[in-house]
Amino acid sequence: MSYVDLISILQGTIRMSVPLILTALAGLYAERSGVVDIGLEGKLLAAAFCGASAATATGSASLGLLAAIGIGVAFSGIHGYASISQRGDQIVSGTAINFIAMGATVIIANAWFGQAGRTPSLPSESKFNTITLPFAAEIREIPVLGTIYSDILSGHFLLTYVAYALIPVTWWVLYRTRFGLRLRAVGENPGAVDTAGISVVKLRYQAVLLGGVFVGLAGAFLSMAVSAGFTKGMSAGKGFIALAALVFANWKPKNILFTCLLFGFLDALSINMQGKTIPVIGAIPVQLWTALPYILTVVLLAGFIGKAIPPKASGTPYVKER
């Protein structure tokens, strides 16, 4: 592997982990409150479509981002209403959102744009562009540190830096604020929280809707940053991979970072190694490289699903005692 390939893979690792981090954080808030959010995949897809569609119609990346967040929050509100207010089955509600998003995005895209489930390609001013960090050019020649800063950490999208900043912010919110304490408590023992005079319904809605904001950011990143528009099924299972990362990370922000980086590395490696040969082994089929992140998902779930300890009230609707 050449130096150029290594730099490309490391850059790709950071880039490909962003939608996973944001989506996993969305699931973290929901599940810490006791609400399982299987619908992350559908919300991610819907946010990507609405973001690209709004950016196409308005020519504004900012309005596209707001549209992506708006649909993420809207779908989260639907899931919250079904699973919190109506005490419905959270798995069924999330699965329904996935099916609705998969079908509706294609149908609406065909009706609006007539491009076989795609949106028109976004021009530079209607999408997010990369940012060069301060002094990146000046310190590039410094051995090791200059390369890391200038060639690996610099040159990413704004949402990339936002996603990584949200990891310590989420840790602080969950473990250092009153809201975080209550959120974790309602996911473990909602009856005790209710007895203390705190609204379980309100806390769970806040967590689920906040997750909608995060998944909206992830969808906008897919269609308005790494891609210049929406394509059919572009989420490609990232919502489910984020759920697997969340389980493997044992519902902890710090672990989410490292797990998503691992998945991002495999994604970047699969892209970089397509069409290349490995000494002794030879050429490996493209399909195997592409399948690597999904194979890891199955392995992690098979190996760690029994060892991970979810919040005790996760997936259980709360019925107020009278």
C-alpha atoms as a PDB file:
ATOM      1  CA  MET A   1       0.000   0.000   0.000  1.00  0.00           C
ATOM      2  CA  SER A   2       1.430   3.350  -1.041  1.00  0.00           C
ATOM      3  CA  TYR A   3       1.635   6.533   1.030  1.00  0.00           C
ATOM      4  CA  VAL A   4      -1.047   8.107  -1.161  1.00  0.00           C
ATOM      5  CA  ASP A   5      -3.351   5.142  -0.567  1.00  0.00           C
ATOM      6  CA  LEU A   6      -2.817   5.343   3.189  1.00  0.00           C
ATOM      7  CA  ILE A   7      -3.653   9.055   3.287  1.00  0.00           C
ATOM      8  CA  SER A   8      -6.718   8.429   1.108  1.00  0.00           C
ATOM      9  CA  ILE A   9      -7.956   5.639   3.400  1.00  0.00           C
ATOM     10  CA  LEU A  10      -7.468   7.719   6.557  1.00  0.00           C
ATOM     11  CA  GLN A  11      -9.268  10.687   5.006  1.00  0.00           C
ATOM     12  CA  GLY A  12     -12.036   8.363   3.867  1.00  0.00           C
ATOM     13  CA  THR A  13     -12.294   6.828   7.344  1.00  0.00           C
ATOM     14  CA  ILE A  14     -13.051  10.229   8.848  1.00  0.00           C
ATOM     15  CA  ARG A  15     -15.511  11.079   6.065  1.00  0.00           C
ATOM     16  CA  MET A  16     -17.369   7.755   5.941  1.00  0.00           C
ATOM     17  CA  SER A  17     -17.801   7.588   9.713  1.00  0.00           C
ATOM     18  CA  VAL A  18     -19.718  10.903   9.893  1.00  0.00           C
ATOM     19  CA  PRO A  19     -23.238   9.660   8.978  1.00  0.00           C
ATOM     20  CA  LEU A  20     -22.703   6.651  11.251  1.00  0.00           C
ATOM     21  CA  ILE A  21     -21.686   8.856  14.192  1.00  0.00           C
ATOM     22  CA  LEU A  22     -24.629  11.215  13.784  1.00  0.00           C
ATOM     23  CA  THR A  23     -27.144   8.399  13.301  1.00  0.00           C
ATOM     24  CA  ALA A  24     -25.747   6.388  16.211  1.00  0.00           C
ATOM     25  CA  LEU A  25     -25.984   9.465  18.449  1.00  0.00           C
ATOM     26  CA  ALA A  26     -29.617   9.834  17.379  1.00  0.00           C
ATOM     27  CA  GLY A  27     -30.245   6.255  18.440  1.00  0.00           C
ATOM     28  CA  LEU A  28     -28.300   6.825  21.668  1.00  0.00           C
ATOM     29  CA  TYR A  29     -30.574   9.616  22.882  1.00  0.00           C
ATOM     30  CA  ALA A  30     -33.708   7.669  21.989  1.00  0.00           C
ATOM     31  CA  GLU A  31     -32.632   4.386  23.533  1.00  0.00           C
ATOM     32  CA  ARG A  32     -31.217   6.014  26.658  1.00  0.00           C
ATOM     33  CA  SER A  33     -34.739   7.306  27.221  1.00  0.00           C
ATOM     34  CA  GLY A  34     -36.223   3.839  26.705  1.00  0.00           C
ATOM     35  CA  VAL A  35     -37.381   4.174  23.072  1.00  0.00           C
ATOM     36  CA  VAL A  36     -35.946   1.779  20.482  1.00  0.00           C
ATOM     37  CA  ASP A  37     -35.531   3.541  17.143  1.00  0.00           C
ATOM     38  CA  ILE A  38     -35.382   0.948  14.367  1.00  0.00           C
ATOM     39  CA  GLY A  39     -36.551   3.664  11.951  1.00  0.00           C
ATOM     40  CA  LEU A  40     -33.137   5.359  11.759  1.00  0.00           C
ATOM     41  CA  GLU A  41     -32.542   3.954   8.280  1.00  0.00           C
ATOM     42  CA  GLY A  42     -35.788   5.383   6.936  1.00  0.00           C
ATOM     43  CA  LYS A  43     -35.280   8.757   8.608  1.00  0.00           C
ATOM     44  CA  LEU A  44     -31.747   8.942   7.229  1.00  0.00           C
ATOM     45  CA  LEU A  45     -33.020   8.252   3.714  1.00  0.00           C
ATOM     46  CA  ALA A  46     -35.890  10.738   4.008  1.00  0.00           C
ATOM     47  CA  ALA A  47     -33.559  13.437   5.336  1.00  0.00           C
ATOM     48  CA  ALA A  48     -31.138  12.888   2.468  1.00  0.00           C
ATOM     49  CA  PHE A  49     -33.968  13.210  -0.048  1.00  0.00           C
ATOM     50  CA  CYS A  50     -35.582  16.290   1.499  1.00  0.00           C
ATOM     51  CA  GLY A  51     -32.246  18.020   1.928  1.00  0.00           C
ATOM     52  CA  ALA A  52     -31.250  17.518  -1.703  1.00  0.00           C
ATOM     53  CA  SER A  53     -34.754  18.397  -2.956  1.00  0.00           C
ATOM     54  CA  ALA A  54     -34.889  21.643  -0.971  1.00  0.00           C
ATOM     55  CA  ALA A  55     -31.382  22.587  -2.062  1.00  0.00           C
ATOM     56  CA  THR A  56     -32.367  21.926  -5.687  1.00  0.00           C
ATOM     57  CA  ALA A  57     -35.519  24.045  -5.401  1.00  0.00           C
ATOM     58  CA  THR A  58     -33.993  26.965  -3.490  1.00  0.00           C
ATOM     59  CA  GLY A  59     -30.348  26.859  -4.517  1.00  0.00           C
ATOM     60  CA  SER A  60     -29.425  27.130  -0.825  1.00  0.00           C
ATOM     61  CA  ALA A  61     -27.451  24.564   1.141  1.00  0.00           C
ATOM     62  CA  SER A  62     -28.662  26.112   4.408  1.00  0.00           C
ATOM     63  CA  LEU A  63     -32.333  25.666   3.456  1.00  0.00           C
ATOM     64  CA  GLY A  64     -31.567  22.124   2.334  1.00  0.00           C
ATOM     65  CA  LEU A  65     -30.048  21.413   5.738  1.00  0.00           C
ATOM     66  CA  LEU A  66     -33.113  22.835   7.494  1.00  0.00           C
ATOM     67  CA  ALA A  67     -35.392  20.680   5.333  1.00  0.00           C
ATOM     68  CA  ALA A  68     -33.373  17.572   6.179  1.00  0.00           C
ATOM     69  CA  ILE A  69     -33.562  18.342   9.895  1.00  0.00           C
ATOM     70  CA  GLY A  70     -37.269  19.153   9.581  1.00  0.00           C
ATOM     71  CA  ILE A  71     -38.183  15.795   8.043  1.00  0.00           C
ATOM     72  CA  GLY A  72     -35.981  13.979  10.551  1.00  0.00           C
ATOM     73  CA  VAL A  73     -37.822  15.668  13.417  1.00  0.00           C
ATOM     74  CA  ALA A  74     -41.201  15.048  11.736  1.00  0.00           C
ATOM     75  CA  PHE A  75     -40.595  11.313  11.357  1.00  0.00           C
ATOM     76  CA  SER A  76     -39.275  11.213  14.922  1.00  0.00           C
ATOM     77  CA  GLY A  77     -42.480  12.889  16.066  1.00  0.00           C
ATOM     78  CA  ILE A  78     -44.515  10.216  14.294  1.00  0.00           C
ATOM     79  CA  HIS A  79     -42.463   7.475  15.913  1.00  0.00           C
ATOM     80  CA  GLY A  80     -42.805   9.198  19.284  1.00  0.00           C
ATOM     81  CA  TYR A  81     -46.559   9.513  18.935  1.00  0.00           C
ATOM     82  CA  ALA A  82     -46.928   5.844  18.013  1.00  0.00           C
ATOM     83  CA  SER A  83     -44.573   4.434  20.627  1.00  0.00           C
ATOM     84  CA  ILE A  84     -44.834   6.938  23.500  1.00  0.00           C
ATOM     85  CA  SER A  85     -48.316   8.466  23.368  1.00  0.00           C
ATOM     86  CA  GLN A  86     -50.122   5.434  21.928  1.00  0.00           C
ATOM     87  CA  ARG A  87     -47.802   2.888  23.567  1.00  0.00           C
ATOM     88  CA  GLY A  88     -47.514   0.977  20.314  1.00  0.00           C
ATOM     89  CA  ASP A  89     -44.885  -1.579  19.430  1.00  0.00           C
ATOM     90  CA  GLN A  90     -41.684   0.404  18.875  1.00  0.00           C
ATOM     91  CA  ILE A  91     -40.215  -2.134  16.456  1.00  0.00           C
ATOM     92  CA  VAL A  92     -43.318  -2.095  14.263  1.00  0.00           C
ATOM     93  CA  SER A  93     -43.424   1.709  14.262  1.00  0.00           C
ATOM     94  CA  GLY A  94     -39.767   1.992  13.272  1.00  0.00           C
ATOM     95  CA  THR A  95     -40.093  -0.664  10.582  1.00  0.00           C
ATOM     96  CA  ALA A  96     -43.104   1.152   9.124  1.00  0.00           C
ATOM     97  CA  ILE A  97     -41.061   4.357   8.904  1.00  0.00           C
ATOM     98  CA  ASN A  98     -38.336   2.468   7.039  1.00  0.00           C
ATOM     99  CA  PHE A  99     -40.785   1.095   4.470  1.00  0.00           C
ATOM    100  CA  ILE A 100     -42.549   4.437   4.015  1.00  0.00           C
ATOM    101  CA  ALA A 101     -39.273   6.289   3.467  1.00  0.00           C
ATOM    102  CA  MET A 102     -37.901   3.703   1.033  1.00  0.00           C
ATOM    103  CA  GLY A 103     -40.999   3.865  -1.133  1.00  0.00           C
ATOM    104  CA  ALA A 104     -41.962   7.522  -0.783  1.00  0.00           C
ATOM    105  CA  THR A 105     -38.538   8.922  -1.659  1.00  0.00           C
ATOM    106  CA  VAL A 106     -38.500   7.079  -4.989  1.00  0.00           C
ATOM    107  CA  ILE A 107     -42.120   7.854  -5.882  1.00  0.00           C
ATOM    108  CA  ILE A 108     -41.845  11.545  -5.024  1.00  0.00           C
ATOM    109  CA  ALA A 109     -38.469  11.891  -6.725  1.00  0.00           C
ATOM    110  CA  ASN A 110     -39.905  10.405  -9.914  1.00  0.00           C
ATOM    111  CA  ALA A 111     -42.938  12.687  -9.746  1.00  0.00           C
ATOM    112  CA  TRP A 112     -40.932  15.845  -9.085  1.00  0.00           C
ATOM    113  CA  PHE A 113     -37.762  15.341 -11.110  1.00  0.00           C
ATOM    114  CA  GLY A 114     -38.422  12.449 -13.499  1.00  0.00           C
ATOM    115  CA  GLN A 115     -34.908  11.074 -13.118  1.00  0.00           C
ATOM    116  CA  ALA A 116     -35.536   7.493 -11.991  1.00  0.00           C
ATOM    117  CA  GLY A 117     -35.526   8.204  -8.276  1.00  0.00           C
ATOM    118  CA  ARG A 118     -32.764  10.797  -8.356  1.00  0.00           C
ATOM    119  CA  THR A 119     -32.639  14.519  -7.785  1.00  0.00           C
ATOM    120  CA  PRO A 120     -30.743  16.781 -10.199  1.00  0.00           C
ATOM    121  CA  SER A 121     -27.037  17.147  -9.495  1.00  0.00           C
ATOM    122  CA  LEU A 122     -26.414  20.002  -7.078  1.00  0.00           C
ATOM    123  CA  PRO A 123     -24.112  22.839  -8.142  1.00  0.00           C
ATOM    124  CA  SER A 124     -21.281  23.883  -5.851  1.00  0.00           C
ATOM    125  CA  GLU A 125     -23.230  26.764  -4.292  1.00  0.00           C
ATOM    126  CA  SER A 126     -26.143  24.470  -3.357  1.00  0.00           C
ATOM    127  CA  LYS A 127     -24.090  21.881  -1.472  1.00  0.00           C
ATOM    128  CA  PHE A 128     -21.534  21.821   1.306  1.00  0.00           C
ATOM    129  CA  ASN A 129     -17.925  22.282   0.306  1.00  0.00           C
ATOM    130  CA  THR A 130     -14.745  21.246   2.063  1.00  0.00           C
ATOM    131  CA  ILE A 131     -12.968  23.530   4.506  1.00  0.00           C
ATOM    132  CA  THR A 132      -9.228  24.027   4.792  1.00  0.00           C
ATOM    133  CA  LEU A 133      -8.136  24.375   8.403  1.00  0.00           C
ATOM    134  CA  PRO A 134      -6.043  27.416   9.410  1.00  0.00           C
ATOM    135  CA  PHE A 135      -2.302  27.177   8.616  1.00  0.00           C
ATOM    136  CA  ALA A 136      -2.734  23.838   6.837  1.00  0.00           C
ATOM    137  CA  ALA A 137      -0.441  24.897   3.985  1.00  0.00           C
ATOM    138  CA  GLU A 138       2.180  26.411   6.288  1.00  0.00           C
ATOM    139  CA  ILE A 139       2.722  23.341   8.478  1.00  0.00           C
ATOM    140  CA  ARG A 140       2.355  20.661   5.799  1.00  0.00           C
ATOM    141  CA  GLU A 141       6.133  20.142   5.637  1.00  0.00           C
ATOM    142  CA  ILE A 142       6.458  19.330   9.358  1.00  0.00           C
ATOM    143  CA  PRO A 143       7.124  15.580   9.611  1.00  0.00           C
ATOM    144  CA  VAL A 144       4.177  13.442  10.753  1.00  0.00           C
ATOM    145  CA  LEU A 145       2.225  16.187  12.568  1.00  0.00           C
ATOM    146  CA  GLY A 146       2.083  18.385   9.479  1.00  0.00           C
ATOM    147  CA  THR A 147       0.850  15.493   7.375  1.00  0.00           C
ATOM    148  CA  ILE A 148      -1.804  14.515   9.915  1.00  0.00           C
ATOM    149  CA  TYR A 149      -3.091  18.068  10.271  1.00  0.00           C
ATOM    150  CA  SER A 150      -2.875  19.191   6.637  1.00  0.00           C
ATOM    151  CA  ASP A 151      -3.614  16.021   4.686  1.00  0.00           C
ATOM    152  CA  ILE A 152      -5.876  14.031   7.029  1.00  0.00           C
ATOM    153  CA  LEU A 153      -7.669  16.399   9.415  1.00  0.00           C
ATOM    154  CA  SER A 154      -7.991  19.352   7.042  1.00  0.00           C
ATOM    155  CA  GLY A 155     -10.127  19.443   3.915  1.00  0.00           C
ATOM    156  CA  HIS A 156     -13.376  18.022   5.297  1.00  0.00           C
ATOM    157  CA  PHE A 157     -16.936  19.318   5.305  1.00  0.00           C
ATOM    158  CA  LEU A 158     -18.291  21.511   8.096  1.00  0.00           C
ATOM    159  CA  LEU A 159     -20.699  18.737   9.130  1.00  0.00           C
ATOM    160  CA  THR A 160     -17.695  16.449   9.622  1.00  0.00           C
ATOM    161  CA  TYR A 161     -16.279  18.671  12.340  1.00  0.00           C
ATOM    162  CA  VAL A 162     -19.760  19.149  13.810  1.00  0.00           C
ATOM    163  CA  ALA A 163     -20.249  15.373  14.061  1.00  0.00           C
ATOM    164  CA  TYR A 164     -16.975  14.824  15.887  1.00  0.00           C
ATOM    165  CA  ALA A 165     -17.628  17.784  18.204  1.00  0.00           C
ATOM    166  CA  LEU A 166     -21.004  16.281  19.133  1.00  0.00           C
ATOM    167  CA  ILE A 167     -19.328  13.231  20.701  1.00  0.00           C
ATOM    168  CA  PRO A 168     -17.872  15.106  23.718  1.00  0.00           C
ATOM    169  CA  VAL A 169     -20.940  17.368  23.802  1.00  0.00           C
ATOM    170  CA  THR A 170     -23.184  14.300  24.075  1.00  0.00           C
ATOM    171  CA  TRP A 171     -20.982  12.823  26.805  1.00  0.00           C
ATOM    172  CA  TRP A 172     -21.235  16.094  28.746  1.00  0.00           C
ATOM    173  CA  VAL A 173     -25.007  16.285  28.272  1.00  0.00           C
ATOM    174  CA  LEU A 174     -25.590  12.692  29.384  1.00  0.00           C
ATOM    175  CA  TYR A 175     -23.223  12.614  32.355  1.00  0.00           C
ATOM    176  CA  ARG A 176     -22.856  16.199  33.533  1.00  0.00           C
ATOM    177  CA  THR A 177     -26.286  17.813  33.171  1.00  0.00           C
ATOM    178  CA  ARG A 178     -29.624  17.438  34.930  1.00  0.00           C
ATOM    179  CA  PHE A 179     -31.291  16.622  31.620  1.00  0.00           C
ATOM    180  CA  GLY A 180     -28.821  13.796  31.001  1.00  0.00           C
ATOM    181  CA  LEU A 181     -29.283  12.386  34.474  1.00  0.00           C
ATOM    182  CA  ARG A 182     -33.044  12.364  34.055  1.00  0.00           C
ATOM    183  CA  LEU A 183     -32.752  10.902  30.566  1.00  0.00           C
ATOM    184  CA  ARG A 184     -30.650   7.994  31.759  1.00  0.00           C
ATOM    185  CA  ALA A 185     -32.954   7.475  34.712  1.00  0.00           C
ATOM    186  CA  VAL A 186     -36.080   7.327  32.554  1.00  0.00           C
ATOM    187  CA  GLY A 187     -34.439   4.662  30.418  1.00  0.00           C
ATOM    188  CA  GLU A 188     -33.645   2.552  33.464  1.00  0.00           C
ATOM    189  CA  ASN A 189     -36.614   3.118  35.769  1.00  0.00           C
ATOM    190  CA  PRO A 190     -39.364   5.358  34.386  1.00  0.00           C
ATOM    191  CA  GLY A 191     -41.603   4.615  37.368  1.00  0.00           C
ATOM    192  CA  ALA A 192     -39.095   6.190  39.767  1.00  0.00           C
ATOM    193  CA  VAL A 193     -38.760   9.237  37.528  1.00  0.00           C
ATOM    194  CA  ASP A 194     -42.523   9.631  37.388  1.00  0.00           C
ATOM    195  CA  THR A 195     -42.759   9.320  41.171  1.00  0.00           C
ATOM    196  CA  ALA A 196     -40.271  12.193  41.464  1.00  0.00           C
ATOM    197  CA  GLY A 197     -42.718  14.394  39.571  1.00  0.00           C
ATOM    198  CA  ILE A 198     -40.837  14.393  36.257  1.00  0.00           C
ATOM    199  CA  SER A 199     -42.769  13.727  33.055  1.00  0.00           C
ATOM    200  CA  VAL A 200     -41.653  10.489  31.437  1.00  0.00           C
ATOM    201  CA  VAL A 201     -43.559  11.319  28.238  1.00  0.00           C
ATOM    202  CA  LYS A 202     -41.922  14.745  27.926  1.00  0.00           C
ATOM    203  CA  LEU A 203     -38.418  13.391  28.457  1.00  0.00           C
ATOM    204  CA  ARG A 204     -38.887  10.619  25.925  1.00  0.00           C
ATOM    205  CA  TYR A 205     -40.287  13.020  23.338  1.00  0.00           C
ATOM    206  CA  GLN A 206     -37.353  15.369  23.871  1.00  0.00           C
ATOM    207  CA  ALA A 207     -34.886  12.529  23.355  1.00  0.00           C
ATOM    208  CA  VAL A 208     -36.597  11.170  20.240  1.00  0.00           C
ATOM    209  CA  LEU A 209     -36.998  14.614  18.643  1.00  0.00           C
ATOM    210  CA  LEU A 210     -33.378  15.494  19.421  1.00  0.00           C
ATOM    211  CA  GLY A 211     -32.424  12.284  17.656  1.00  0.00           C
ATOM    212  CA  GLY A 212     -34.411  13.535  14.659  1.00  0.00           C
ATOM    213  CA  VAL A 213     -32.140  16.586  14.484  1.00  0.00           C
ATOM    214  CA  PHE A 214     -29.044  14.383  14.487  1.00  0.00           C
ATOM    215  CA  VAL A 215     -30.319  12.023  11.809  1.00  0.00           C
ATOM    216  CA  GLY A 216     -31.345  15.052   9.738  1.00  0.00           C
ATOM    217  CA  LEU A 217     -27.738  16.253   9.837  1.00  0.00           C
ATOM    218  CA  ALA A 218     -26.606  12.784   8.767  1.00  0.00           C
ATOM    219  CA  GLY A 219     -29.018  12.731   5.814  1.00  0.00           C
ATOM    220  CA  ALA A 220     -27.909  16.190   4.682  1.00  0.00           C
ATOM    221  CA  PHE A 221     -24.298  15.015   4.850  1.00  0.00           C
ATOM    222  CA  LEU A 222     -25.050  12.093   2.538  1.00  0.00           C
ATOM    223  CA  SER A 223     -26.845  14.028  -0.203  1.00  0.00           C
ATOM    224  CA  MET A 224     -25.345  17.518   0.101  1.00  0.00           C
ATOM    225  CA  ALA A 225     -21.727  16.869   1.069  1.00  0.00           C
ATOM    226  CA  VAL A 226     -20.253  13.515   0.019  1.00  0.00           C
ATOM    227  CA  SER A 227     -22.724  13.393  -2.886  1.00  0.00           C
ATOM    228  CA  ALA A 228     -24.133  16.184  -5.025  1.00  0.00           C
ATOM    229  CA  GLY A 229     -27.737  15.021  -4.854  1.00  0.00           C
ATOM    230  CA  PHE A 230     -30.021  12.196  -3.823  1.00  0.00           C
ATOM    231  CA  THR A 231     -29.980   8.732  -5.362  1.00  0.00           C
ATOM    232  CA  LYS A 232     -32.355   5.841  -4.728  1.00  0.00           C
ATOM    233  CA  GLY A 233     -31.456   3.935  -1.552  1.00  0.00           C
ATOM    234  CA  MET A 234     -28.351   6.029  -0.905  1.00  0.00           C
ATOM    235  CA  SER A 235     -28.460   5.357   2.842  1.00  0.00           C
ATOM    236  CA  ALA A 236     -27.353   1.804   1.920  1.00  0.00           C
ATOM    237  CA  GLY A 237     -28.047   0.310   5.329  1.00  0.00           C
ATOM    238  CA  LYS A 238     -26.118   2.950   7.278  1.00  0.00           C
ATOM    239  CA  GLY A 239     -29.012   3.342   9.710  1.00  0.00           C
ATOM    240  CA  PHE A 240     -28.828  -0.352  10.577  1.00  0.00           C
ATOM    241  CA  ILE A 241     -25.033  -0.253  10.792  1.00  0.00           C
ATOM    242  CA  ALA A 242     -25.338   2.696  13.191  1.00  0.00           C
ATOM    243  CA  LEU A 243     -27.696   0.620  15.345  1.00  0.00           C
ATOM    244  CA  ALA A 244     -25.143  -2.196  15.372  1.00  0.00           C
ATOM    245  CA  ALA A 245     -22.432   0.309  16.313  1.00  0.00           C
ATOM    246  CA  LEU A 246     -24.645   1.575  19.131  1.00  0.00           C
ATOM    247  CA  VAL A 247     -25.096  -1.932  20.544  1.00  0.00           C
ATOM    248  CA  PHE A 248     -21.394  -2.756  20.203  1.00  0.00           C
ATOM    249  CA  ALA A 249     -20.546   0.568  21.896  1.00  0.00           C
ATOM    250  CA  ASN A 250     -22.782  -0.407  24.822  1.00  0.00           C
ATOM    251  CA  TRP A 251     -24.734   2.847  24.479  1.00  0.00           C
ATOM    252  CA  LYS A 252     -21.738   5.051  25.426  1.00  0.00           C
ATOM    253  CA  PRO A 253     -20.653   8.118  23.389  1.00  0.00           C
ATOM    254  CA  LYS A 254     -16.907   7.451  23.552  1.00  0.00           C
ATOM    255  CA  ASN A 255     -17.326   3.876  22.364  1.00  0.00           C
ATOM    256  CA  ILE A 256     -19.592   5.072  19.547  1.00  0.00           C
ATOM    257  CA  LEU A 257     -16.720   7.161  18.182  1.00  0.00           C
ATOM    258  CA  PHE A 258     -14.297   4.240  17.970  1.00  0.00           C
ATOM    259  CA  THR A 259     -16.893   1.796  16.640  1.00  0.00           C
ATOM    260  CA  CYS A 260     -18.018   4.173  13.892  1.00  0.00           C
ATOM    261  CA  LEU A 261     -14.387   4.861  12.981  1.00  0.00           C
ATOM    262  CA  LEU A 262     -13.937   1.107  12.559  1.00  0.00           C
ATOM    263  CA  PHE A 263     -16.922   0.894  10.211  1.00  0.00           C
ATOM    264  CA  GLY A 264     -15.725   4.033   8.407  1.00  0.00           C
ATOM    265  CA  PHE A 265     -12.293   2.472   7.959  1.00  0.00           C
ATOM    266  CA  LEU A 266     -13.780  -0.625   6.360  1.00  0.00           C
ATOM    267  CA  ASP A 267     -15.892   1.553   4.045  1.00  0.00           C
ATOM    268  CA  ALA A 268     -12.868   3.616   3.023  1.00  0.00           C
ATOM    269  CA  LEU A 269     -10.729   0.494   2.608  1.00  0.00           C
ATOM    270  CA  SER A 270     -13.339  -1.181   0.400  1.00  0.00           C
ATOM    271  CA  ILE A 271     -13.506   1.892  -1.861  1.00  0.00           C
ATOM    272  CA  ASN A 272      -9.727   2.255  -2.099  1.00  0.00           C
ATOM    273  CA  MET A 273      -8.993  -1.424  -2.744  1.00  0.00           C
ATOM    274  CA  GLN A 274     -11.519  -1.989  -5.522  1.00  0.00           C
ATOM    275  CA  GLY A 275      -9.740  -3.090  -8.669  1.00  0.00           C
ATOM    276  CA  LYS A 276      -6.395  -3.593  -6.916  1.00  0.00           C
ATOM    277  CA  THR A 277      -4.496  -6.790  -6.331  1.00  0.00           C
ATOM    278  CA  ILE A 278      -2.925  -8.086  -3.136  1.00  0.00           C
ATOM    279  CA  PRO A 279       0.440  -9.881  -3.321  1.00  0.00           C
ATOM    280  CA  VAL A 280       0.117 -13.679  -3.181  1.00  0.00           C
ATOM    281  CA  ILE A 281      -3.701 -13.483  -2.876  1.00  0.00           C
ATOM    282  CA  GLY A 282      -4.279 -11.597  -6.126  1.00  0.00           C
ATOM    283  CA  ALA A 283      -7.401  -9.664  -7.070  1.00  0.00           C
ATOM    284  CA  ILE A 284     -10.313  -9.769  -4.621  1.00  0.00           C
ATOM    285  CA  PRO A 285     -13.841  -9.373  -6.048  1.00  0.00           C
ATOM    286  CA  VAL A 286     -15.359  -5.915  -5.708  1.00  0.00           C
ATOM    287  CA  GLN A 287     -18.450  -7.433  -4.115  1.00  0.00           C
ATOM    288  CA  LEU A 288     -16.398  -8.800  -1.206  1.00  0.00           C
ATOM    289  CA  TRP A 289     -14.815  -5.413  -0.497  1.00  0.00           C
ATOM    290  CA  THR A 290     -18.226  -3.758  -0.632  1.00  0.00           C
ATOM    291  CA  ALA A 291     -19.681  -6.344   1.743  1.00  0.00           C
ATOM    292  CA  LEU A 292     -16.999  -5.857   4.417  1.00  0.00           C
ATOM    293  CA  PRO A 293     -18.920  -3.344   6.616  1.00  0.00           C
ATOM    294  CA  TYR A 294     -22.037  -5.518   6.494  1.00  0.00           C
ATOM    295  CA  ILE A 295     -20.088  -8.667   7.338  1.00  0.00           C
ATOM    296  CA  LEU A 296     -18.623  -6.868  10.347  1.00  0.00           C
ATOM    297  CA  THR A 297     -22.132  -5.795  11.378  1.00  0.00           C
ATOM    298  CA  VAL A 298     -23.304  -9.420  11.441  1.00  0.00           C
ATOM    299  CA  VAL A 299     -20.166 -10.569  13.287  1.00  0.00           C
ATOM    300  CA  LEU A 300     -20.470  -7.869  15.942  1.00  0.00           C
ATOM    301  CA  LEU A 301     -24.161  -8.482  16.518  1.00  0.00           C
ATOM    302  CA  ALA A 302     -23.657 -12.238  16.658  1.00  0.00           C
ATOM    303  CA  GLY A 303     -20.709 -11.947  19.036  1.00  0.00           C
ATOM    304  CA  PHE A 304     -21.708  -9.077  21.282  1.00  0.00           C
ATOM    305  CA  ILE A 305     -25.503  -8.832  21.316  1.00  0.00           C
ATOM    306  CA  GLY A 306     -25.662 -11.046  24.398  1.00  0.00           C
ATOM    307  CA  LYS A 307     -22.905  -9.139  26.204  1.00  0.00           C
ATOM    308  CA  ALA A 308     -24.263  -5.628  25.603  1.00  0.00           C
ATOM    309  CA  ILE A 309     -26.478  -4.337  28.386  1.00  0.00           C
ATOM    310  CA  PRO A 310     -29.198  -1.970  27.102  1.00  0.00           C
ATOM    311  CA  PRO A 311     -31.176   0.415  29.319  1.00  0.00           C
ATOM    312  CA  LYS A 312     -33.575  -1.713  31.376  1.00  0.00           C
ATOM    313  CA  ALA A 313     -36.716   0.043  30.132  1.00  0.00           C
ATOM    314  CA  SER A 314     -35.605   0.060  26.495  1.00  0.00           C
ATOM    315  CA  GLY A 315     -38.477  -0.883  24.190  1.00  0.00           C
ATOM    316  CA  THR A 316     -41.053  -0.909  26.983  1.00  0.00           C
ATOM    317  CA  PRO A 317     -43.917   1.611  26.788  1.00  0.00           C
ATOM    318  CA  TYR A 318     -44.549   3.341  30.088  1.00  0.00           C
ATOM    319  CA  VAL A 319     -47.998   3.135  31.601  1.00  0.00           C
ATOM    320  CA  LYS A 320     -48.535   5.650  34.392  1.00  0.00           C
ATOM    321  CA  GLU A 321     -49.660   4.062  37.628  1.00  0.00           C
ATOM    322  CA  ARG A 322     -52.834   5.457  39.129  1.00  0.00           C
END
